[in-house]
Amino acid sequence: MLKHTFCHLPGIGPVKEQHLWDKGITTWEKALAEFDPSSSPQAGPLPGIVASMEKFAQRDAAYFSGLLPPGQQYRLFKPFVNDAVYLDIETTGLSPWDKITTIAMYDGKQINHYVQGENLDAFANDIKHYALIITFNGKTFDLPFLRSRLNCTLDQAHIDLRYVLASLGFKGGLKKCEKAMGIDRGDLEGVDGSFAVVLWDEFQKTQNPKALETLLAYNIEDVLNLETLMVKAYNLKVKNLAFTAPMPEPSGLANPFSPDKALVDKLKSLLFF
């Protein structure tokens, strides 16, 4: 999809991009053939297209991420899927003094997790292996937390699915979007970010491994589901475009951790009764 994209170029929005497509100018190569190389930048998108082709050849996903609107970042997905990672964090709260408790990363092949007091310091180096980060609400939550708490630059390309899904009409939190997309969380149904704080507090107070395992199961479920949401969102975006094909639904990996439903029920009863 990225090589069919023109809306990252100066002066070209969705309407003008659609006009180019309607004229049969559906790739950068076709645009090069259409526009006179000696023309001024105002005469056509040629200068930006040449730079785009060069940056694409260099595998510079961040270049395109910096130019595309939030709702159009999905266009980065297919060409950079093998360099992408799904990312989610859990914290002790939302205030400036709160801390990261766990981090989950999933690149479609393997799952990595990080825990406060164990291996959080390894994250900053591990994330450097990826050119594209995919989150839900990471623009305002996950990435700022990681930058400030772990001193990570995180200057990679970034798809925040919150904006992509909103552009498709799916609004609300991650769990609401999952339900709208037909994703079932099983024994993790009803567990959310605020309850993740409760699980961490329980682990800190009791050192009960089941509390940490349930928290990790929840955190990792988020990144596993992000892959499914990303593919579904991408396919919805391109379904009416004749010049690009949908992506196959991911088979995904099994969550290596299982929630302790009895513990979840016990903690909920203490909280609400």
Protein backbone atom coordinates (compact mmCIF):
# COMPACT_ATOMS: atom_id res chain seq x y z
CA MET A 1 0.00 0.00 0.00
CA LEU A 2 2.84 2.41 0.76
CA LYS A 3 4.04 2.52 -2.85
CA HIS A 4 0.51 3.55 -3.88
CA THR A 5 0.54 6.41 -1.38
CA PHE A 6 0.60 10.10 -2.28
CA CYS A 7 -1.06 11.70 0.76
CA HIS A 8 2.29 12.05 2.51
CA LEU A 9 3.42 14.54 -0.15
CA PRO A 10 3.01 18.31 0.26
CA GLY A 11 -0.34 19.58 -1.00
CA ILE A 12 -1.86 16.13 -1.53
CA GLY A 13 -4.70 15.05 0.72
CA PRO A 14 -7.17 12.15 0.44
CA VAL A 15 -9.26 13.83 -2.27
CA LYS A 16 -6.33 14.60 -4.55
CA GLU A 17 -4.84 11.18 -3.91
CA GLN A 18 -8.11 9.55 -4.95
CA HIS A 19 -8.14 11.74 -8.06
CA LEU A 20 -4.67 10.45 -8.98
CA TRP A 21 -5.82 6.86 -8.46
CA ASP A 22 -8.91 7.47 -10.59
CA LYS A 23 -6.65 8.69 -13.38
CA GLY A 24 -4.69 5.41 -13.18
CA ILE A 25 -1.72 6.95 -11.35
CA THR A 26 -1.63 4.29 -8.67
CA THR A 27 2.11 3.90 -8.07
CA TRP A 28 5.11 6.13 -7.66
CA GLU A 29 6.52 4.73 -10.91
CA LYS A 30 3.39 5.71 -12.81
CA ALA A 31 3.56 9.18 -11.31
CA LEU A 32 7.14 9.53 -12.51
CA ALA A 33 6.05 8.70 -16.01
CA GLU A 34 3.12 11.14 -15.79
CA PHE A 35 4.87 14.23 -14.49
CA ASP A 36 7.62 16.12 -16.27
CA PRO A 37 10.90 15.86 -14.30
CA SER A 38 11.74 19.45 -15.22
CA SER A 39 8.53 20.82 -13.76
CA SER A 40 8.37 22.84 -10.56
CA PRO A 41 7.30 21.21 -7.27
CA GLN A 42 3.93 22.93 -7.65
CA ALA A 43 3.31 21.20 -10.98
CA GLY A 44 3.16 17.73 -9.50
CA PRO A 45 4.33 15.37 -6.76
CA LEU A 46 7.57 14.36 -8.55
CA PRO A 47 10.15 15.72 -6.07
CA GLY A 48 8.48 14.02 -3.15
CA ILE A 49 8.10 10.80 -5.08
CA VAL A 50 11.80 10.61 -5.88
CA ALA A 51 12.61 11.08 -2.20
CA SER A 52 9.98 8.48 -1.28
CA MET A 53 11.51 5.90 -3.61
CA GLU A 54 14.94 6.56 -2.16
CA LYS A 55 13.73 6.30 1.43
CA PHE A 56 11.79 3.14 0.66
CA ALA A 57 14.90 1.56 -0.86
CA GLN A 58 16.76 2.50 2.33
CA ARG A 59 14.02 0.85 4.43
CA ASP A 60 13.46 4.14 6.25
CA ALA A 61 10.04 3.58 7.82
CA ALA A 62 10.44 6.57 10.15
CA TYR A 63 10.60 8.93 7.15
CA PHE A 64 7.10 7.96 6.04
CA SER A 65 5.76 7.81 9.59
CA GLY A 66 6.74 11.44 10.06
CA LEU A 67 4.74 12.50 6.99
CA LEU A 68 1.59 10.38 7.15
CA PRO A 69 -1.45 11.48 9.19
CA PRO A 70 -2.17 9.29 12.26
CA GLY A 71 -5.13 7.56 10.63
CA GLN A 72 -3.05 6.69 7.56
CA GLN A 73 -0.07 5.13 9.34
CA TYR A 74 -1.49 1.68 8.51
CA ARG A 75 0.11 2.09 5.06
CA LEU A 76 3.47 1.29 6.67
CA PHE A 77 2.32 -2.10 7.87
CA LYS A 78 2.65 -4.47 4.92
CA PRO A 79 6.08 -3.35 3.62
CA PHE A 80 7.57 -3.26 7.12
CA VAL A 81 5.71 -6.14 8.77
CA ASN A 82 8.91 -8.18 9.12
CA ASP A 83 10.54 -5.29 10.98
CA ALA A 84 7.54 -4.55 13.21
CA VAL A 85 6.85 -5.21 16.88
CA TYR A 86 3.62 -4.99 18.87
CA LEU A 87 4.19 -3.21 22.18
CA ASP A 88 2.22 -2.69 25.39
CA ILE A 89 3.13 -1.65 28.93
CA GLU A 90 1.52 -1.83 32.35
CA THR A 91 2.18 0.75 35.06
CA THR A 92 1.43 1.52 38.69
CA GLY A 93 -0.82 4.36 37.56
CA LEU A 94 -1.01 7.41 35.31
CA SER A 95 0.65 10.11 37.41
CA PRO A 96 4.13 11.57 36.74
CA TRP A 97 5.58 9.56 39.63
CA ASP A 98 4.14 6.19 38.61
CA LYS A 99 6.39 3.45 37.28
CA ILE A 100 6.37 0.75 34.61
CA THR A 101 5.62 -2.69 36.01
CA THR A 102 5.70 -4.94 32.95
CA ILE A 103 6.31 -4.64 29.21
CA ALA A 104 5.22 -7.07 26.50
CA MET A 105 6.63 -7.22 22.96
CA TYR A 106 5.60 -9.52 20.12
CA ASP A 107 7.02 -9.48 16.60
CA GLY A 108 4.84 -12.16 15.05
CA LYS A 109 7.42 -14.84 15.77
CA GLN A 110 8.42 -14.51 19.41
CA ILE A 111 7.19 -12.93 22.62
CA ASN A 112 9.40 -11.02 25.03
CA HIS A 113 8.34 -9.70 28.41
CA TYR A 114 10.01 -7.47 30.96
CA VAL A 115 9.30 -7.09 34.67
CA GLN A 116 10.20 -4.32 37.10
CA GLY A 117 13.01 -5.46 39.36
CA GLU A 118 14.04 -8.21 36.95
CA ASN A 119 14.91 -7.19 33.40
CA LEU A 120 13.34 -3.83 32.49
CA ASP A 121 16.77 -2.46 31.62
CA ALA A 122 17.04 -4.91 28.71
CA PHE A 123 14.10 -3.34 26.90
CA ALA A 124 15.91 -0.23 25.64
CA ASN A 125 18.39 -2.33 23.68
CA ASP A 126 15.90 -4.97 22.49
CA ILE A 127 13.49 -2.44 20.98
CA LYS A 128 16.27 -1.09 18.74
CA HIS A 129 16.00 -4.22 16.58
CA TYR A 130 12.68 -3.02 15.12
CA ALA A 131 11.92 -0.32 12.56
CA LEU A 132 8.17 -0.12 13.26
CA ILE A 133 6.35 -0.07 16.61
CA ILE A 134 2.63 -0.87 16.76
CA THR A 135 0.57 0.09 19.82
CA PHE A 136 -2.90 1.07 20.92
CA ASN A 137 -2.87 4.57 22.42
CA GLY A 138 0.92 4.38 22.56
CA LYS A 139 1.32 7.91 21.25
CA THR A 140 -0.03 9.43 24.45
CA PHE A 141 0.67 6.64 26.96
CA ASP A 142 3.15 3.83 26.28
CA LEU A 143 5.86 5.70 24.38
CA PRO A 144 5.99 8.78 26.65
CA PHE A 145 6.18 6.49 29.70
CA LEU A 146 9.00 4.46 28.17
CA ARG A 147 10.94 7.55 27.11
CA SER A 148 10.74 9.18 30.52
CA ARG A 149 11.15 6.09 32.74
CA LEU A 150 13.68 4.06 30.74
CA ASN A 151 15.39 6.86 28.82
CA CYS A 152 14.50 5.33 25.43
CA THR A 153 14.56 7.48 22.31
CA LEU A 154 11.99 5.35 20.45
CA ASP A 155 12.40 7.27 17.21
CA GLN A 156 11.14 4.41 15.05
CA ALA A 157 8.08 4.58 12.86
CA HIS A 158 4.92 4.15 14.92
CA ILE A 159 1.41 2.97 14.11
CA ASP A 160 -1.02 3.87 16.88
CA LEU A 161 -4.03 1.67 16.21
CA ARG A 162 -6.26 3.93 18.24
CA TYR A 163 -6.23 6.45 15.38
CA VAL A 164 -6.37 3.90 12.58
CA LEU A 165 -9.37 2.15 14.14
CA ALA A 166 -11.08 5.47 14.87
CA SER A 167 -10.77 6.35 11.19
CA LEU A 168 -12.72 3.15 10.49
CA GLY A 169 -15.42 4.03 13.02
CA PHE A 170 -14.14 1.88 15.89
CA LYS A 171 -13.81 4.18 18.90
CA GLY A 172 -13.22 3.65 22.59
CA GLY A 173 -10.61 1.63 24.44
CA LEU A 174 -8.72 -1.41 23.26
CA LYS A 175 -11.14 -3.92 24.78
CA LYS A 176 -14.14 -2.22 23.17
CA CYS A 177 -12.43 -2.31 19.77
CA GLU A 178 -11.53 -5.97 20.27
CA LYS A 179 -15.15 -6.85 20.97
CA ALA A 180 -16.30 -4.93 17.92
CA MET A 181 -13.80 -6.95 15.87
CA GLY A 182 -14.98 -10.26 17.37
CA ILE A 183 -11.94 -10.92 19.57
CA ASP A 184 -12.64 -12.94 22.73
CA ARG A 185 -10.33 -12.69 25.75
CA GLY A 186 -11.55 -15.85 27.49
CA ASP A 187 -10.57 -15.95 31.17
CA LEU A 188 -9.13 -12.45 30.87
CA GLU A 189 -12.55 -10.99 30.09
CA GLY A 190 -13.19 -8.09 32.45
CA VAL A 191 -9.53 -7.56 33.32
CA ASP A 192 -8.40 -4.08 32.32
CA GLY A 193 -5.58 -1.61 32.88
CA SER A 194 -6.81 -0.53 36.31
CA PHE A 195 -7.04 -4.15 37.43
CA ALA A 196 -3.48 -4.68 36.18
CA VAL A 197 -2.45 -2.20 38.89
CA VAL A 198 -4.29 -4.33 41.46
CA LEU A 199 -2.49 -7.45 40.27
CA TRP A 200 0.91 -5.76 40.60
CA ASP A 201 0.03 -4.50 44.09
CA GLU A 202 -1.01 -8.02 45.06
CA PHE A 203 2.28 -9.41 43.77
CA GLN A 204 4.28 -6.79 45.67
CA LYS A 205 2.44 -7.47 48.91
CA THR A 206 2.31 -11.27 48.80
CA GLN A 207 4.93 -12.34 46.24
CA ASN A 208 2.25 -14.69 44.95
CA PRO A 209 3.57 -15.84 41.55
CA LYS A 210 0.01 -16.31 40.31
CA ALA A 211 -0.56 -12.57 40.55
CA LEU A 212 2.46 -11.83 38.36
CA GLU A 213 1.57 -14.62 35.93
CA THR A 214 -1.96 -13.24 35.58
CA LEU A 215 -0.59 -9.75 34.99
CA LEU A 216 1.81 -11.04 32.33
CA ALA A 217 -0.98 -13.05 30.73
CA TYR A 218 -3.02 -9.85 30.47
CA ASN A 219 -0.11 -7.74 29.19
CA ILE A 220 0.88 -10.34 26.58
CA GLU A 221 -2.73 -10.86 25.48
CA ASP A 222 -2.76 -7.19 24.55
CA VAL A 223 0.15 -7.51 22.12
CA LEU A 224 -1.11 -10.78 20.64
CA ASN A 225 -4.46 -9.13 19.95
CA LEU A 226 -2.77 -6.07 18.49
CA GLU A 227 -1.53 -8.25 15.64
CA THR A 228 -5.06 -9.42 14.87
CA LEU A 229 -6.44 -5.88 15.10
CA MET A 230 -3.67 -4.54 12.87
CA VAL A 231 -4.33 -7.06 10.12
CA LYS A 232 -8.10 -6.60 10.34
CA ALA A 233 -7.76 -2.82 10.22
CA TYR A 234 -5.36 -2.98 7.28
CA ASN A 235 -7.69 -5.26 5.33
CA LEU A 236 -10.68 -3.00 5.98
CA LYS A 237 -8.68 -0.03 4.74
CA VAL A 238 -7.66 -1.66 1.45
CA LYS A 239 -10.72 -3.82 0.73
CA ASN A 240 -12.06 -1.49 -1.97
CA LEU A 241 -8.71 -0.87 -3.65
CA ALA A 242 -8.20 -2.99 -6.75
CA PHE A 243 -4.46 -2.41 -6.86
CA THR A 244 -3.56 -3.95 -3.49
CA ALA A 245 -4.37 -7.27 -1.84
CA PRO A 246 -5.50 -8.00 1.73
CA MET A 247 -3.21 -9.72 4.22
CA PRO A 248 -3.94 -13.17 5.62
CA GLU A 249 -5.32 -13.39 9.13
CA PRO A 250 -2.51 -14.23 11.58
CA SER A 251 -2.40 -17.62 13.25
CA GLY A 252 -0.53 -16.07 16.17
CA LEU A 253 1.28 -17.64 19.10
CA ALA A 254 -0.25 -19.07 22.23
CA ASN A 255 -0.01 -16.91 25.32
CA PRO A 256 2.76 -18.47 27.46
CA PHE A 257 1.01 -17.35 30.66
CA SER A 258 -2.43 -18.25 31.97
CA PRO A 259 -4.56 -16.08 34.25
CA ASP A 260 -5.57 -17.46 37.63
CA LYS A 261 -9.32 -17.00 37.48
CA ALA A 262 -9.81 -17.80 41.16
CA LEU A 263 -7.34 -15.06 42.10
CA VAL A 264 -9.00 -12.61 39.73
CA ASP A 265 -12.42 -13.35 41.22
CA LYS A 266 -11.05 -13.04 44.76
CA LEU A 267 -9.43 -9.67 44.10
CA LYS A 268 -12.55 -8.38 42.36
CA SER A 269 -14.70 -9.39 45.34
CA LEU A 270 -12.37 -7.50 47.70
CA LEU A 271 -12.50 -4.43 45.47
CA PHE A 272 -16.21 -4.19 44.83
CA PHE A 273 -17.89 -5.77 47.88
